[in-house]
Amino acid sequence: MPSKKIQYWAPLTFDLTLPQLERIETVRRARGLRSASEVVRLAISEFDVTKYAAKSPRYRQVSVRLDPKVREKLRHQARKKNVSIGELLRVALVALPARAARRK
């Protein structure tokens, strides 16, 4: 006689931004739902994944040479901010003006 497997709902953990968390709470209150889990289950049931197209940018790998002290500083800052070194480099590049500021 085959044994029955007990099914249980294990927690699924994932990161959300603060605006996404606020959205969950707004929907929970507006629809009278009891929990964030109910909001997520509703979102999954109503979402048409066939119409979803991932919007991930294309990346190319680049190698650069950095002074070991600069590399260590980046590693320390990345750990402190809980991001990758690559993420720090990407935002630094985006923030860099194309032209130098004019001197007065």
PDB file of N, CA and C in Angstrom:
ATOM      1  N   MET A   1       0.845  -1.177   0.000  1.00  0.00           N
ATOM      2  CA  MET A   1       0.000   0.000   0.000  1.00  0.00           C
ATOM      3  C   MET A   1       0.888   1.238   0.000  1.00  0.00           C
ATOM      4  N   PRO A   2       0.714   2.116  -1.023  1.00  0.00           N
ATOM      5  CA  PRO A   2       1.554   3.315  -1.078  1.00  0.00           C
ATOM      6  C   PRO A   2       1.230   4.272   0.063  1.00  0.00           C
ATOM      7  N   SER A   3       2.290   4.855   0.594  1.00  0.00           N
ATOM      8  CA  SER A   3       2.077   5.805   1.691  1.00  0.00           C
ATOM      9  C   SER A   3       1.728   7.172   1.125  1.00  0.00           C
ATOM     10  N   LYS A   4       0.908   7.875   1.842  1.00  0.00           N
ATOM     11  CA  LYS A   4       0.534   9.230   1.429  1.00  0.00           C
ATOM     12  C   LYS A   4       1.626  10.194   1.849  1.00  0.00           C
ATOM     13  N   LYS A   5       1.991  11.046   0.926  1.00  0.00           N
ATOM     14  CA  LYS A   5       2.962  12.085   1.268  1.00  0.00           C
ATOM     15  C   LYS A   5       2.215  13.260   1.864  1.00  0.00           C
ATOM     16  N   ILE A   6       2.721  13.739   2.954  1.00  0.00           N
ATOM     17  CA  ILE A   6       2.122  14.913   3.581  1.00  0.00           C
ATOM     18  C   ILE A   6       2.631  16.137   2.842  1.00  0.00           C
ATOM     19  N   GLN A   7       1.721  16.929   2.350  1.00  0.00           N
ATOM     20  CA  GLN A   7       2.099  18.161   1.670  1.00  0.00           C
ATOM     21  C   GLN A   7       1.991  19.320   2.637  1.00  0.00           C
ATOM     22  N   TYR A   8       2.961  20.171   2.593  1.00  0.00           N
ATOM     23  CA  TYR A   8       2.914  21.363   3.427  1.00  0.00           C
ATOM     24  C   TYR A   8       3.365  22.556   2.592  1.00  0.00           C
ATOM     25  N   TRP A   9       2.968  23.693   3.000  1.00  0.00           N
ATOM     26  CA  TRP A   9       3.291  24.913   2.276  1.00  0.00           C
ATOM     27  C   TRP A   9       4.575  25.486   2.860  1.00  0.00           C
ATOM     28  N   ALA A  10       5.655  25.242   2.178  1.00  0.00           N
ATOM     29  CA  ALA A  10       6.947  25.761   2.638  1.00  0.00           C
ATOM     30  C   ALA A  10       7.071  27.225   2.219  1.00  0.00           C
ATOM     31  N   PRO A  11       7.676  28.038   3.039  1.00  0.00           N
ATOM     32  CA  PRO A  11       7.855  29.445   2.679  1.00  0.00           C
ATOM     33  C   PRO A  11       8.765  29.592   1.465  1.00  0.00           C
ATOM     34  N   LEU A  12       8.448  30.526   0.611  1.00  0.00           N
ATOM     35  CA  LEU A  12       9.275  30.893  -0.532  1.00  0.00           C
ATOM     36  C   LEU A  12       9.779  32.300  -0.245  1.00  0.00           C
ATOM     37  N   THR A  13      11.070  32.469  -0.174  1.00  0.00           N
ATOM     38  CA  THR A  13      11.660  33.749   0.176  1.00  0.00           C
ATOM     39  C   THR A  13      12.240  34.405  -1.065  1.00  0.00           C
ATOM     40  N   PHE A  14      11.935  35.677  -1.270  1.00  0.00           N
ATOM     41  CA  PHE A  14      12.485  36.432  -2.395  1.00  0.00           C
ATOM     42  C   PHE A  14      12.527  37.905  -2.025  1.00  0.00           C
ATOM     43  N   ASP A  15      13.379  38.657  -2.717  1.00  0.00           N
ATOM     44  CA  ASP A  15      13.559  40.079  -2.422  1.00  0.00           C
ATOM     45  C   ASP A  15      12.540  40.929  -3.166  1.00  0.00           C
ATOM     46  N   LEU A  16      12.046  41.945  -2.495  1.00  0.00           N
ATOM     47  CA  LEU A  16      11.157  42.937  -3.092  1.00  0.00           C
ATOM     48  C   LEU A  16      11.655  44.319  -2.699  1.00  0.00           C
ATOM     49  N   THR A  17      11.391  45.274  -3.571  1.00  0.00           N
ATOM     50  CA  THR A  17      11.713  46.657  -3.247  1.00  0.00           C
ATOM     51  C   THR A  17      10.654  47.191  -2.279  1.00  0.00           C
ATOM     52  N   LEU A  18      10.961  48.302  -1.630  1.00  0.00           N
ATOM     53  CA  LEU A  18       9.963  48.896  -0.726  1.00  0.00           C
ATOM     54  C   LEU A  18       8.674  49.262  -1.455  1.00  0.00           C
ATOM     55  N   PRO A  19       8.723  49.852  -2.657  1.00  0.00           N
ATOM     56  CA  PRO A  19       7.458  50.117  -3.363  1.00  0.00           C
ATOM     57  C   PRO A  19       6.659  48.846  -3.661  1.00  0.00           C
ATOM     58  N   GLN A  20       7.337  47.745  -3.939  1.00  0.00           N
ATOM     59  CA  GLN A  20       6.627  46.485  -4.176  1.00  0.00           C
ATOM     60  C   GLN A  20       5.969  45.989  -2.890  1.00  0.00           C
ATOM     61  N   LEU A  21       6.660  46.122  -1.766  1.00  0.00           N
ATOM     62  CA  LEU A  21       6.068  45.738  -0.483  1.00  0.00           C
ATOM     63  C   LEU A  21       4.866  46.615  -0.152  1.00  0.00           C
ATOM     64  N   GLU A  22       4.987  47.902  -0.443  1.00  0.00           N
ATOM     65  CA  GLU A  22       3.859  48.819  -0.212  1.00  0.00           C
ATOM     66  C   GLU A  22       2.676  48.444  -1.093  1.00  0.00           C
ATOM     67  N   ARG A  23       2.961  48.001  -2.316  1.00  0.00           N
ATOM     68  CA  ARG A  23       1.902  47.574  -3.234  1.00  0.00           C
ATOM     69  C   ARG A  23       1.168  46.360  -2.656  1.00  0.00           C
ATOM     70  N   ILE A  24       1.903  45.424  -2.110  1.00  0.00           N
ATOM     71  CA  ILE A  24       1.280  44.246  -1.501  1.00  0.00           C
ATOM     72  C   ILE A  24       0.328  44.684  -0.388  1.00  0.00           C
ATOM     73  N   GLU A  25       0.777  45.589   0.452  1.00  0.00           N
ATOM     74  CA  GLU A  25      -0.055  46.042   1.566  1.00  0.00           C
ATOM     75  C   GLU A  25      -1.280  46.805   1.067  1.00  0.00           C
ATOM     76  N   THR A  26      -1.114  47.623   0.052  1.00  0.00           N
ATOM     77  CA  THR A  26      -2.243  48.369  -0.525  1.00  0.00           C
ATOM     78  C   THR A  26      -3.293  47.415  -1.083  1.00  0.00           C
ATOM     79  N   VAL A  27      -2.854  46.437  -1.849  1.00  0.00           N
ATOM     80  CA  VAL A  27      -3.786  45.457  -2.428  1.00  0.00           C
ATOM     81  C   VAL A  27      -4.428  44.621  -1.319  1.00  0.00           C
ATOM     82  N   ARG A  28      -3.646  44.248  -0.325  1.00  0.00           N
ATOM     83  CA  ARG A  28      -4.182  43.446   0.776  1.00  0.00           C
ATOM     84  C   ARG A  28      -5.345  44.162   1.453  1.00  0.00           C
ATOM     85  N   ARG A  29      -5.118  45.450   1.762  1.00  0.00           N
ATOM     86  CA  ARG A  29      -6.169  46.232   2.424  1.00  0.00           C
ATOM     87  C   ARG A  29      -7.361  46.448   1.503  1.00  0.00           C
ATOM     88  N   ALA A  30      -7.110  46.836   0.262  1.00  0.00           N
ATOM     89  CA  ALA A  30      -8.187  47.161  -0.677  1.00  0.00           C
ATOM     90  C   ALA A  30      -9.068  45.952  -0.988  1.00  0.00           C
ATOM     91  N   ARG A  31      -8.481  44.774  -1.016  1.00  0.00           N
ATOM     92  CA  ARG A  31      -9.245  43.577  -1.369  1.00  0.00           C
ATOM     93  C   ARG A  31      -9.655  42.758  -0.153  1.00  0.00           C
ATOM     94  N   GLY A  32      -9.304  43.240   1.030  1.00  0.00           N
ATOM     95  CA  GLY A  32      -9.699  42.542   2.247  1.00  0.00           C
ATOM     96  C   GLY A  32      -9.015  41.196   2.420  1.00  0.00           C
ATOM     97  N   LEU A  33      -7.789  41.100   1.954  1.00  0.00           N
ATOM     98  CA  LEU A  33      -7.042  39.853   2.094  1.00  0.00           C
ATOM     99  C   LEU A  33      -6.336  39.820   3.445  1.00  0.00           C
ATOM    100  N   ARG A  34      -6.040  38.621   3.933  1.00  0.00           N
ATOM    101  CA  ARG A  34      -5.483  38.485   5.273  1.00  0.00           C
ATOM    102  C   ARG A  34      -3.969  38.548   5.338  1.00  0.00           C
ATOM    103  N   SER A  35      -3.293  38.271   4.222  1.00  0.00           N
ATOM    104  CA  SER A  35      -1.841  38.179   4.305  1.00  0.00           C
ATOM    105  C   SER A  35      -1.172  38.519   2.980  1.00  0.00           C
ATOM    106  N   ALA A  36       0.142  38.733   3.054  1.00  0.00           N
ATOM    107  CA  ALA A  36       0.933  38.944   1.847  1.00  0.00           C
ATOM    108  C   ALA A  36       0.889  37.699   0.977  1.00  0.00           C
ATOM    109  N   SER A  37       0.837  36.530   1.610  1.00  0.00           N
ATOM    110  CA  SER A  37       0.761  35.279   0.845  1.00  0.00           C
ATOM    111  C   SER A  37      -0.493  35.244  -0.021  1.00  0.00           C
ATOM    112  N   GLU A  38      -1.614  35.707   0.517  1.00  0.00           N
ATOM    113  CA  GLU A  38      -2.849  35.736  -0.268  1.00  0.00           C
ATOM    114  C   GLU A  38      -2.720  36.686  -1.456  1.00  0.00           C
ATOM    115  N   VAL A  39      -2.059  37.816  -1.256  1.00  0.00           N
ATOM    116  CA  VAL A  39      -1.856  38.773  -2.347  1.00  0.00           C
ATOM    117  C   VAL A  39      -0.993  38.138  -3.433  1.00  0.00           C
ATOM    118  N   VAL A  40       0.081  37.474  -3.039  1.00  0.00           N
ATOM    119  CA  VAL A  40       0.975  36.839  -4.008  1.00  0.00           C
ATOM    120  C   VAL A  40       0.250  35.730  -4.753  1.00  0.00           C
ATOM    121  N   ARG A  41      -0.522  34.911  -4.043  1.00  0.00           N
ATOM    122  CA  ARG A  41      -1.276  33.843  -4.721  1.00  0.00           C
ATOM    123  C   ARG A  41      -2.258  34.428  -5.722  1.00  0.00           C
ATOM    124  N   LEU A  42      -2.917  35.534  -5.362  1.00  0.00           N
ATOM    125  CA  LEU A  42      -3.849  36.192  -6.273  1.00  0.00           C
ATOM    126  C   LEU A  42      -3.111  36.737  -7.497  1.00  0.00           C
ATOM    127  N   ALA A  43      -1.970  37.382  -7.261  1.00  0.00           N
ATOM    128  CA  ALA A  43      -1.188  37.938  -8.369  1.00  0.00           C
ATOM    129  C   ALA A  43      -0.778  36.840  -9.342  1.00  0.00           C
ATOM    130  N   ILE A  44      -0.339  35.709  -8.815  1.00  0.00           N
ATOM    131  CA  ILE A  44       0.071  34.590  -9.666  1.00  0.00           C
ATOM    132  C   ILE A  44      -1.114  34.055 -10.466  1.00  0.00           C
ATOM    133  N   SER A  45      -2.254  33.938  -9.821  1.00  0.00           N
ATOM    134  CA  SER A  45      -3.421  33.373 -10.500  1.00  0.00           C
ATOM    135  C   SER A  45      -3.949  34.292 -11.597  1.00  0.00           C
ATOM    136  N   GLU A  46      -3.773  35.600 -11.446  1.00  0.00           N
ATOM    137  CA  GLU A  46      -4.302  36.549 -12.432  1.00  0.00           C
ATOM    138  C   GLU A  46      -3.270  36.978 -13.475  1.00  0.00           C
ATOM    139  N   PHE A  47      -2.012  36.631 -13.281  1.00  0.00           N
ATOM    140  CA  PHE A  47      -0.942  37.065 -14.182  1.00  0.00           C
ATOM    141  C   PHE A  47      -0.873  36.163 -15.409  1.00  0.00           C
ATOM    142  N   ASP A  48      -0.845  36.770 -16.598  1.00  0.00           N
ATOM    143  CA  ASP A  48      -0.724  36.019 -17.846  1.00  0.00           C
ATOM    144  C   ASP A  48       0.747  35.967 -18.242  1.00  0.00           C
ATOM    145  N   VAL A  49       1.416  34.905 -17.841  1.00  0.00           N
ATOM    146  CA  VAL A  49       2.851  34.778 -18.074  1.00  0.00           C
ATOM    147  C   VAL A  49       3.170  34.666 -19.569  1.00  0.00           C
ATOM    148  N   THR A  50       2.197  34.267 -20.382  1.00  0.00           N
ATOM    149  CA  THR A  50       2.459  34.145 -21.824  1.00  0.00           C
ATOM    150  C   THR A  50       2.707  35.504 -22.469  1.00  0.00           C
ATOM    151  N   LYS A  51       2.252  36.571 -21.842  1.00  0.00           N
ATOM    152  CA  LYS A  51       2.455  37.926 -22.381  1.00  0.00           C
ATOM    153  C   LYS A  51       3.680  38.614 -21.789  1.00  0.00           C
ATOM    154  N   TYR A  52       4.374  37.929 -20.898  1.00  0.00           N
ATOM    155  CA  TYR A  52       5.536  38.512 -20.239  1.00  0.00           C
ATOM    156  C   TYR A  52       6.784  38.338 -21.098  1.00  0.00           C
ATOM    157  N   ALA A  53       7.516  39.428 -21.265  1.00  0.00           N
ATOM    158  CA  ALA A  53       8.812  39.388 -21.945  1.00  0.00           C
ATOM    159  C   ALA A  53       9.828  40.023 -21.006  1.00  0.00           C
ATOM    160  N   ALA A  54      10.823  39.264 -20.619  1.00  0.00           N
ATOM    161  CA  ALA A  54      11.846  39.769 -19.697  1.00  0.00           C
ATOM    162  C   ALA A  54      12.564  40.960 -20.314  1.00  0.00           C
ATOM    163  N   LYS A  55      12.802  41.969 -19.504  1.00  0.00           N
ATOM    164  CA  LYS A  55      13.463  43.189 -19.970  1.00  0.00           C
ATOM    165  C   LYS A  55      14.844  43.294 -19.343  1.00  0.00           C
ATOM    166  N   SER A  56      15.643  42.290 -19.557  1.00  0.00           N
ATOM    167  CA  SER A  56      16.988  42.335 -18.992  1.00  0.00           C
ATOM    168  C   SER A  56      17.955  42.882 -20.029  1.00  0.00           C
ATOM    169  N   PRO A  57      18.788  43.811 -19.605  1.00  0.00           N
ATOM    170  CA  PRO A  57      19.738  44.390 -20.556  1.00  0.00           C
ATOM    171  C   PRO A  57      20.781  43.357 -20.963  1.00  0.00           C
ATOM    172  N   ARG A  58      21.320  43.539 -22.134  1.00  0.00           N
ATOM    173  CA  ARG A  58      22.396  42.660 -22.577  1.00  0.00           C
ATOM    174  C   ARG A  58      23.696  43.138 -21.961  1.00  0.00           C
ATOM    175  N   TYR A  59      24.471  42.210 -21.481  1.00  0.00           N
ATOM    176  CA  TYR A  59      25.742  42.531 -20.857  1.00  0.00           C
ATOM    177  C   TYR A  59      26.880  41.977 -21.686  1.00  0.00           C
ATOM    178  N   ARG A  60      27.983  42.674 -21.654  1.00  0.00           N
ATOM    179  CA  ARG A  60      29.236  42.167 -22.204  1.00  0.00           C
ATOM    180  C   ARG A  60      30.259  42.279 -21.102  1.00  0.00           C
ATOM    181  N   GLN A  61      31.078  41.294 -21.015  1.00  0.00           N
ATOM    182  CA  GLN A  61      32.079  41.287 -19.963  1.00  0.00           C
ATOM    183  C   GLN A  61      33.259  42.176 -20.361  1.00  0.00           C
ATOM    184  N   VAL A  62      33.726  42.960 -19.420  1.00  0.00           N
ATOM    185  CA  VAL A  62      34.850  43.863 -19.628  1.00  0.00           C
ATOM    186  C   VAL A  62      35.860  43.611 -18.521  1.00  0.00           C
ATOM    187  N   SER A  63      37.125  43.591 -18.886  1.00  0.00           N
ATOM    188  CA  SER A  63      38.189  43.449 -17.889  1.00  0.00           C
ATOM    189  C   SER A  63      38.947  44.762 -17.789  1.00  0.00           C
ATOM    190  N   VAL A  64      39.161  45.204 -16.569  1.00  0.00           N
ATOM    191  CA  VAL A  64      39.926  46.433 -16.338  1.00  0.00           C
ATOM    192  C   VAL A  64      40.963  46.151 -15.258  1.00  0.00           C
ATOM    193  N   ARG A  65      41.992  46.954 -15.232  1.00  0.00           N
ATOM    194  CA  ARG A  65      43.031  46.809 -14.214  1.00  0.00           C
ATOM    195  C   ARG A  65      42.808  47.887 -13.154  1.00  0.00           C
ATOM    196  N   LEU A  66      42.809  47.453 -11.913  1.00  0.00           N
ATOM    197  CA  LEU A  66      42.631  48.377 -10.799  1.00  0.00           C
ATOM    198  C   LEU A  66      43.755  48.173  -9.794  1.00  0.00           C
ATOM    199  N   ASP A  67      44.156  49.268  -9.199  1.00  0.00           N
ATOM    200  CA  ASP A  67      45.127  49.201  -8.102  1.00  0.00           C
ATOM    201  C   ASP A  67      44.551  48.291  -7.021  1.00  0.00           C
ATOM    202  N   PRO A  68      45.361  47.423  -6.450  1.00  0.00           N
ATOM    203  CA  PRO A  68      44.852  46.520  -5.398  1.00  0.00           C
ATOM    204  C   PRO A  68      44.157  47.246  -4.256  1.00  0.00           C
ATOM    205  N   LYS A  69      44.616  48.446  -3.918  1.00  0.00           N
ATOM    206  CA  LYS A  69      43.965  49.205  -2.834  1.00  0.00           C
ATOM    207  C   LYS A  69      42.565  49.640  -3.254  1.00  0.00           C
ATOM    208  N   VAL A  70      42.410  50.041  -4.521  1.00  0.00           N
ATOM    209  CA  VAL A  70      41.091  50.446  -5.033  1.00  0.00           C
ATOM    210  C   VAL A  70      40.166  49.235  -5.073  1.00  0.00           C
ATOM    211  N   ARG A  71      40.693  48.101  -5.535  1.00  0.00           N
ATOM    212  CA  ARG A  71      39.899  46.870  -5.594  1.00  0.00           C
ATOM    213  C   ARG A  71      39.427  46.464  -4.194  1.00  0.00           C
ATOM    214  N   GLU A  72      40.289  46.561  -3.210  1.00  0.00           N
ATOM    215  CA  GLU A  72      39.919  46.202  -1.838  1.00  0.00           C
ATOM    216  C   GLU A  72      38.870  47.174  -1.291  1.00  0.00           C
ATOM    217  N   LYS A  73      39.021  48.451  -1.615  1.00  0.00           N
ATOM    218  CA  LYS A  73      38.043  49.452  -1.178  1.00  0.00           C
ATOM    219  C   LYS A  73      36.674  49.137  -1.792  1.00  0.00           C
ATOM    220  N   LEU A  74      36.656  48.800  -3.074  1.00  0.00           N
ATOM    221  CA  LEU A  74      35.403  48.432  -3.737  1.00  0.00           C
ATOM    222  C   LEU A  74      34.783  47.190  -3.092  1.00  0.00           C
ATOM    223  N   ARG A  75      35.605  46.181  -2.826  1.00  0.00           N
ATOM    224  CA  ARG A  75      35.128  44.952  -2.200  1.00  0.00           C
ATOM    225  C   ARG A  75      34.495  45.254  -0.840  1.00  0.00           C
ATOM    226  N   HIS A  76      35.166  46.108  -0.063  1.00  0.00           N
ATOM    227  CA  HIS A  76      34.657  46.482   1.257  1.00  0.00           C
ATOM    228  C   HIS A  76      33.331  47.243   1.135  1.00  0.00           C
ATOM    229  N   GLN A  77      33.276  48.206   0.208  1.00  0.00           N
ATOM    230  CA  GLN A  77      32.049  48.991   0.040  1.00  0.00           C
ATOM    231  C   GLN A  77      30.902  48.134  -0.468  1.00  0.00           C
ATOM    232  N   ALA A  78      31.202  47.202  -1.370  1.00  0.00           N
ATOM    233  CA  ALA A  78      30.163  46.312  -1.889  1.00  0.00           C
ATOM    234  C   ALA A  78      29.592  45.441  -0.771  1.00  0.00           C
ATOM    235  N   ARG A  79      30.473  44.920   0.067  1.00  0.00           N
ATOM    236  CA  ARG A  79      30.009  44.093   1.185  1.00  0.00           C
ATOM    237  C   ARG A  79      29.162  44.929   2.137  1.00  0.00           C
ATOM    238  N   LYS A  80      29.602  46.150   2.400  1.00  0.00           N
ATOM    239  CA  LYS A  80      28.883  47.041   3.321  1.00  0.00           C
ATOM    240  C   LYS A  80      27.485  47.380   2.784  1.00  0.00           C
ATOM    241  N   LYS A  81      27.382  47.574   1.459  1.00  0.00           N
ATOM    242  CA  LYS A  81      26.098  47.917   0.829  1.00  0.00           C
ATOM    243  C   LYS A  81      25.286  46.682   0.422  1.00  0.00           C
ATOM    244  N   ASN A  82      25.873  45.496   0.605  1.00  0.00           N
ATOM    245  CA  ASN A  82      25.223  44.240   0.251  1.00  0.00           C
ATOM    246  C   ASN A  82      24.890  44.175  -1.248  1.00  0.00           C
ATOM    247  N   VAL A  83      25.850  44.568  -2.072  1.00  0.00           N
ATOM    248  CA  VAL A  83      25.726  44.491  -3.527  1.00  0.00           C
ATOM    249  C   VAL A  83      27.032  43.916  -4.078  1.00  0.00           C
ATOM    250  N   SER A  84      27.030  43.618  -5.364  1.00  0.00           N
ATOM    251  CA  SER A  84      28.250  43.107  -5.984  1.00  0.00           C
ATOM    252  C   SER A  84      29.173  44.262  -6.360  1.00  0.00           C
ATOM    253  N   ILE A  85      30.432  43.934  -6.561  1.00  0.00           N
ATOM    254  CA  ILE A  85      31.381  44.933  -7.047  1.00  0.00           C
ATOM    255  C   ILE A  85      30.934  45.419  -8.420  1.00  0.00           C
ATOM    256  N   GLY A  86      30.455  44.493  -9.244  1.00  0.00           N
ATOM    257  CA  GLY A  86      29.961  44.861 -10.570  1.00  0.00           C
ATOM    258  C   GLY A  86      28.842  45.887 -10.510  1.00  0.00           C
ATOM    259  N   GLU A  87      27.942  45.734  -9.549  1.00  0.00           N
ATOM    260  CA  GLU A  87      26.844  46.704  -9.394  1.00  0.00           C
ATOM    261  C   GLU A  87      27.395  48.080  -9.053  1.00  0.00           C
ATOM    262  N   LEU A  88      28.361  48.152  -8.148  1.00  0.00           N
ATOM    263  CA  LEU A  88      28.975  49.448  -7.818  1.00  0.00           C
ATOM    264  C   LEU A  88      29.643  50.062  -9.038  1.00  0.00           C
ATOM    265  N   LEU A  89      30.334  49.234  -9.815  1.00  0.00           N
ATOM    266  CA  LEU A  89      30.995  49.754 -11.020  1.00  0.00           C
ATOM    267  C   LEU A  89      29.967  50.255 -12.036  1.00  0.00           C
ATOM    268  N   ARG A  90      28.867  49.516 -12.218  1.00  0.00           N
ATOM    269  CA  ARG A  90      27.837  49.946 -13.180  1.00  0.00           C
ATOM    270  C   ARG A  90      27.226  51.285 -12.775  1.00  0.00           C
ATOM    271  N   VAL A  91      26.873  51.460 -11.498  1.00  0.00           N
ATOM    272  CA  VAL A  91      26.257  52.726 -11.092  1.00  0.00           C
ATOM    273  C   VAL A  91      27.272  53.866 -11.132  1.00  0.00           C
ATOM    274  N   ALA A  92      28.537  53.566 -10.854  1.00  0.00           N
ATOM    275  CA  ALA A  92      29.578  54.600 -10.946  1.00  0.00           C
ATOM    276  C   ALA A  92      29.730  55.064 -12.388  1.00  0.00           C
ATOM    277  N   LEU A  93      29.669  54.131 -13.338  1.00  0.00           N
ATOM    278  CA  LEU A  93      29.782  54.495 -14.748  1.00  0.00           C
ATOM    279  C   LEU A  93      28.583  55.300 -15.230  1.00  0.00           C
ATOM    280  N   VAL A  94      27.399  54.927 -14.787  1.00  0.00           N
ATOM    281  CA  VAL A  94      26.192  55.665 -15.168  1.00  0.00           C
ATOM    282  C   VAL A  94      26.232  57.082 -14.606  1.00  0.00           C
ATOM    283  N   ALA A  95      26.766  57.250 -13.403  1.00  0.00           N
ATOM    284  CA  ALA A  95      26.812  58.558 -12.741  1.00  0.00           C
ATOM    285  C   ALA A  95      27.932  59.451 -13.292  1.00  0.00           C
ATOM    286  N   LEU A  96      28.874  58.892 -14.017  1.00  0.00           N
ATOM    287  CA  LEU A  96      30.016  59.658 -14.515  1.00  0.00           C
ATOM    288  C   LEU A  96      29.589  60.536 -15.683  1.00  0.00           C
ATOM    289  N   PRO A  97      29.762  61.869 -15.581  1.00  0.00           N
ATOM    290  CA  PRO A  97      29.423  62.738 -16.709  1.00  0.00           C
ATOM    291  C   PRO A  97      30.353  62.462 -17.880  1.00  0.00           C
ATOM    292  N   ALA A  98      29.834  62.579 -19.095  1.00  0.00           N
ATOM    293  CA  ALA A  98      30.662  62.325 -20.290  1.00  0.00           C
ATOM    294  C   ALA A  98      31.760  63.368 -20.423  1.00  0.00           C
ATOM    295  N   ARG A  99      31.447  64.582 -20.033  1.00  0.00           N
ATOM    296  CA  ARG A  99      32.429  65.660 -20.133  1.00  0.00           C
ATOM    297  C   ARG A  99      32.795  66.147 -18.736  1.00  0.00           C
ATOM    298  N   ALA A 100      34.021  66.594 -18.627  1.00  0.00           N
ATOM    299  CA  ALA A 100      34.465  67.166 -17.348  1.00  0.00           C
ATOM    300  C   ALA A 100      33.744  68.480 -17.110  1.00  0.00           C
ATOM    301  N   ALA A 101      33.487  68.763 -15.846  1.00  0.00           N
ATOM    302  CA  ALA A 101      32.841  70.025 -15.491  1.00  0.00           C
ATOM    303  C   ALA A 101      33.784  71.183 -15.816  1.00  0.00           C
ATOM    304  N   ARG A 102      33.213  72.284 -16.272  1.00  0.00           N
ATOM    305  CA  ARG A 102      34.014  73.456 -16.598  1.00  0.00           C
ATOM    306  C   ARG A 102      34.474  74.136 -15.327  1.00  0.00           C
ATOM    307  N   ARG A 103      35.689  74.611 -15.376  1.00  0.00           N
ATOM    308  CA  ARG A 103      36.220  75.349 -14.215  1.00  0.00           C
ATOM    309  C   ARG A 103      35.792  76.795 -14.320  1.00  0.00           C
ATOM    310  N   LYS A 104      35.520  77.392 -13.199  1.00  0.00           N
ATOM    311  CA  LYS A 104      35.086  78.803 -13.167  1.00  0.00           C
ATOM    312  C   LYS A 104      36.256  79.714 -13.112  1.00  0.00           C
TER     313      LYS A 104
END
